[in-house]
């Protein structure tokens, strides 16, 4: 039986791919605003994920919910 090794994605690669995804689906301005909102707010990702994301949700719906959440937090 061959040993299977797990090679985690580097932080730089993960951030790069995440930003590409956000920009592709939200555009650069909203992607930057979303990131700024996460950095600015006391953000509990686990709580947010449970409240706003379901496993059978599309990427588009996920990003829509993320945008709505970020806009609510800006107020």
N, C-alpha and C. Protein backbone atom coordinates (compact mmCIF):
# COMPACT_ATOMS: atom_id res chain seq x y z
N UNK A 1 0.85 -1.18 0.00
CA UNK A 1 0.00 0.00 0.00
C UNK A 1 0.90 1.24 0.00
N UNK A 2 0.64 2.16 -0.92
CA UNK A 2 1.46 3.37 -1.04
C UNK A 2 1.06 4.39 0.02
N UNK A 3 2.07 5.08 0.51
CA UNK A 3 1.80 6.16 1.45
C UNK A 3 1.20 7.34 0.70
N UNK A 4 0.15 7.92 1.26
CA UNK A 4 -0.46 9.10 0.68
C UNK A 4 -0.10 10.27 1.56
N UNK A 5 0.52 11.26 0.96
CA UNK A 5 0.89 12.44 1.74
C UNK A 5 0.00 13.61 1.35
N UNK A 6 -0.31 14.39 2.32
CA UNK A 6 -1.14 15.58 2.10
C UNK A 6 -0.22 16.78 2.08
N UNK A 7 -0.33 17.55 1.02
CA UNK A 7 0.46 18.76 0.90
C UNK A 7 -0.49 19.94 0.94
N UNK A 8 -0.57 20.62 2.09
CA UNK A 8 -1.52 21.73 2.19
C UNK A 8 -1.18 22.86 1.23
N UNK A 9 -2.22 23.54 0.80
CA UNK A 9 -2.04 24.69 -0.08
C UNK A 9 -1.34 25.80 0.69
N UNK A 10 -0.38 26.44 0.06
CA UNK A 10 0.32 27.53 0.73
C UNK A 10 -0.63 28.69 0.94
N UNK A 11 -0.33 29.51 1.93
CA UNK A 11 -1.15 30.67 2.23
C UNK A 11 -1.23 31.61 1.04
N UNK A 12 -0.11 31.82 0.38
CA UNK A 12 -0.07 32.73 -0.78
C UNK A 12 -0.96 32.19 -1.89
N UNK A 13 -0.87 30.90 -2.18
CA UNK A 13 -1.68 30.30 -3.23
C UNK A 13 -3.16 30.36 -2.86
N UNK A 14 -3.47 30.07 -1.62
CA UNK A 14 -4.85 30.10 -1.15
C UNK A 14 -5.44 31.51 -1.27
N UNK A 15 -4.68 32.50 -0.84
CA UNK A 15 -5.15 33.88 -0.94
C UNK A 15 -5.31 34.31 -2.39
N UNK A 16 -4.40 33.90 -3.24
CA UNK A 16 -4.46 34.25 -4.65
C UNK A 16 -5.70 33.63 -5.31
N UNK A 17 -5.93 32.36 -5.06
CA UNK A 17 -7.09 31.69 -5.64
C UNK A 17 -8.39 32.27 -5.09
N UNK A 18 -8.42 32.57 -3.80
CA UNK A 18 -9.61 33.17 -3.19
C UNK A 18 -9.93 34.52 -3.79
N UNK A 19 -8.91 35.34 -3.97
CA UNK A 19 -9.11 36.67 -4.56
C UNK A 19 -9.57 36.55 -6.00
N UNK A 20 -9.00 35.63 -6.75
CA UNK A 20 -9.43 35.41 -8.13
C UNK A 20 -10.91 35.04 -8.18
N UNK A 21 -11.34 34.18 -7.27
CA UNK A 21 -12.74 33.76 -7.21
C UNK A 21 -13.65 34.94 -6.88
N UNK A 22 -13.27 35.71 -5.88
CA UNK A 22 -14.07 36.87 -5.50
C UNK A 22 -14.19 37.87 -6.64
N UNK A 23 -13.07 38.18 -7.27
CA UNK A 23 -13.07 39.15 -8.37
C UNK A 23 -13.90 38.64 -9.54
N UNK A 24 -13.76 37.37 -9.85
CA UNK A 24 -14.51 36.79 -10.97
C UNK A 24 -16.01 36.92 -10.74
N UNK A 25 -16.46 36.69 -9.53
CA UNK A 25 -17.89 36.64 -9.26
C UNK A 25 -18.48 37.94 -8.71
N UNK A 26 -17.63 38.80 -8.16
CA UNK A 26 -18.13 40.04 -7.55
C UNK A 26 -17.62 41.30 -8.22
N UNK A 27 -16.53 41.18 -8.94
CA UNK A 27 -15.86 42.36 -9.48
C UNK A 27 -14.86 42.86 -8.45
N UNK A 28 -13.89 43.61 -8.90
CA UNK A 28 -12.78 44.03 -8.04
C UNK A 28 -13.25 44.92 -6.89
N UNK A 29 -14.17 45.84 -7.16
CA UNK A 29 -14.59 46.78 -6.12
C UNK A 29 -15.32 46.06 -4.99
N UNK A 30 -16.30 45.22 -5.34
CA UNK A 30 -17.04 44.50 -4.30
C UNK A 30 -16.15 43.47 -3.59
N UNK A 31 -15.23 42.85 -4.32
CA UNK A 31 -14.31 41.90 -3.69
C UNK A 31 -13.46 42.61 -2.63
N UNK A 32 -12.92 43.76 -2.99
CA UNK A 32 -12.12 44.53 -2.04
C UNK A 32 -12.97 45.00 -0.85
N UNK A 33 -14.20 45.42 -1.14
CA UNK A 33 -15.10 45.85 -0.06
C UNK A 33 -15.41 44.70 0.88
N UNK A 34 -15.63 43.52 0.33
CA UNK A 34 -15.91 42.33 1.13
C UNK A 34 -14.73 42.02 2.05
N UNK A 35 -13.54 42.04 1.51
CA UNK A 35 -12.35 41.76 2.31
C UNK A 35 -12.17 42.83 3.38
N UNK A 36 -12.36 44.08 3.02
CA UNK A 36 -12.24 45.17 4.00
C UNK A 36 -13.24 45.00 5.13
N UNK A 37 -14.47 44.58 4.80
CA UNK A 37 -15.50 44.37 5.83
C UNK A 37 -15.10 43.26 6.78
N UNK A 38 -14.54 42.20 6.26
CA UNK A 38 -14.11 41.08 7.10
C UNK A 38 -12.98 41.54 8.03
N UNK A 39 -12.06 42.32 7.51
CA UNK A 39 -10.94 42.78 8.31
C UNK A 39 -11.37 43.83 9.35
N UNK A 40 -12.34 44.65 9.00
CA UNK A 40 -12.78 45.73 9.86
C UNK A 40 -13.66 45.25 11.01
N UNK A 41 -14.51 44.29 10.74
CA UNK A 41 -15.48 43.82 11.73
C UNK A 41 -14.88 42.72 12.60
N UNK A 42 -15.46 42.58 13.77
CA UNK A 42 -15.13 41.42 14.60
C UNK A 42 -15.89 40.26 13.97
N UNK A 43 -15.23 39.51 13.11
CA UNK A 43 -15.88 38.56 12.23
C UNK A 43 -15.74 37.14 12.77
N UNK A 44 -16.86 36.49 13.00
CA UNK A 44 -16.89 35.09 13.42
C UNK A 44 -17.30 34.26 12.22
N UNK A 45 -16.31 33.75 11.51
CA UNK A 45 -16.59 33.01 10.28
C UNK A 45 -17.50 31.81 10.53
N UNK A 46 -17.27 31.08 11.60
CA UNK A 46 -18.06 29.89 11.88
C UNK A 46 -19.54 30.23 12.07
N UNK A 47 -19.82 31.27 12.84
CA UNK A 47 -21.20 31.70 13.05
C UNK A 47 -21.81 32.17 11.73
N UNK A 48 -21.06 32.98 10.98
CA UNK A 48 -21.55 33.47 9.70
C UNK A 48 -21.84 32.31 8.75
N UNK A 49 -20.95 31.36 8.68
CA UNK A 49 -21.10 30.22 7.78
C UNK A 49 -22.37 29.45 8.11
N UNK A 50 -22.63 29.22 9.38
CA UNK A 50 -23.82 28.48 9.78
C UNK A 50 -25.10 29.24 9.44
N UNK A 51 -25.07 30.57 9.56
CA UNK A 51 -26.26 31.38 9.32
C UNK A 51 -26.52 31.65 7.84
N UNK A 52 -25.49 31.74 7.03
CA UNK A 52 -25.65 32.22 5.66
C UNK A 52 -25.26 31.24 4.56
N UNK A 53 -24.85 30.06 4.89
CA UNK A 53 -24.36 29.15 3.86
C UNK A 53 -24.92 27.75 4.08
N UNK A 54 -25.41 27.16 3.00
CA UNK A 54 -25.84 25.77 3.05
C UNK A 54 -25.01 24.97 2.06
N UNK A 55 -24.86 23.70 2.31
CA UNK A 55 -23.98 22.86 1.48
C UNK A 55 -24.46 22.74 0.04
N UNK A 56 -25.75 22.84 -0.21
CA UNK A 56 -26.25 22.68 -1.57
C UNK A 56 -26.42 24.01 -2.30
N UNK A 57 -25.79 25.03 -1.78
CA UNK A 57 -25.91 26.37 -2.34
C UNK A 57 -24.88 26.57 -3.46
N UNK A 58 -25.26 27.29 -4.49
CA UNK A 58 -24.34 27.58 -5.59
C UNK A 58 -23.33 28.64 -5.15
N UNK A 59 -22.25 28.74 -5.89
CA UNK A 59 -21.23 29.76 -5.61
C UNK A 59 -21.84 31.15 -5.75
N UNK A 60 -22.67 31.32 -6.76
CA UNK A 60 -23.30 32.62 -6.98
C UNK A 60 -24.16 33.02 -5.78
N UNK A 61 -24.94 32.07 -5.25
CA UNK A 61 -25.80 32.36 -4.10
C UNK A 61 -24.94 32.63 -2.86
N UNK A 62 -23.87 31.89 -2.70
CA UNK A 62 -22.95 32.10 -1.59
C UNK A 62 -22.38 33.52 -1.64
N UNK A 63 -21.93 33.94 -2.81
CA UNK A 63 -21.36 35.28 -2.95
C UNK A 63 -22.41 36.36 -2.75
N UNK A 64 -23.62 36.09 -3.21
CA UNK A 64 -24.72 37.04 -2.99
C UNK A 64 -24.97 37.20 -1.49
N UNK A 65 -25.02 36.09 -0.77
CA UNK A 65 -25.21 36.15 0.68
C UNK A 65 -24.05 36.85 1.38
N UNK A 66 -22.83 36.60 0.89
CA UNK A 66 -21.66 37.26 1.48
C UNK A 66 -21.74 38.76 1.28
N UNK A 67 -22.17 39.19 0.10
CA UNK A 67 -22.30 40.62 -0.18
C UNK A 67 -23.37 41.26 0.70
N UNK A 68 -24.51 40.61 0.83
CA UNK A 68 -25.59 41.12 1.68
C UNK A 68 -25.10 41.25 3.12
N UNK A 69 -24.41 40.22 3.58
CA UNK A 69 -23.88 40.23 4.95
C UNK A 69 -22.90 41.39 5.14
N UNK A 70 -22.00 41.57 4.19
CA UNK A 70 -21.02 42.65 4.30
C UNK A 70 -21.68 44.01 4.31
N UNK A 71 -22.70 44.20 3.46
CA UNK A 71 -23.40 45.48 3.42
C UNK A 71 -24.14 45.77 4.73
N UNK A 72 -24.72 44.74 5.33
CA UNK A 72 -25.41 44.91 6.61
C UNK A 72 -24.42 45.33 7.69
N UNK A 73 -23.23 44.76 7.65
CA UNK A 73 -22.22 45.06 8.67
C UNK A 73 -21.64 46.45 8.51
N UNK A 74 -21.72 47.05 7.32
CA UNK A 74 -21.19 48.40 7.09
C UNK A 74 -22.03 49.46 7.72
N UNK A 75 -23.28 49.18 7.99
CA UNK A 75 -24.21 50.18 8.54
C UNK A 75 -23.89 50.53 9.96
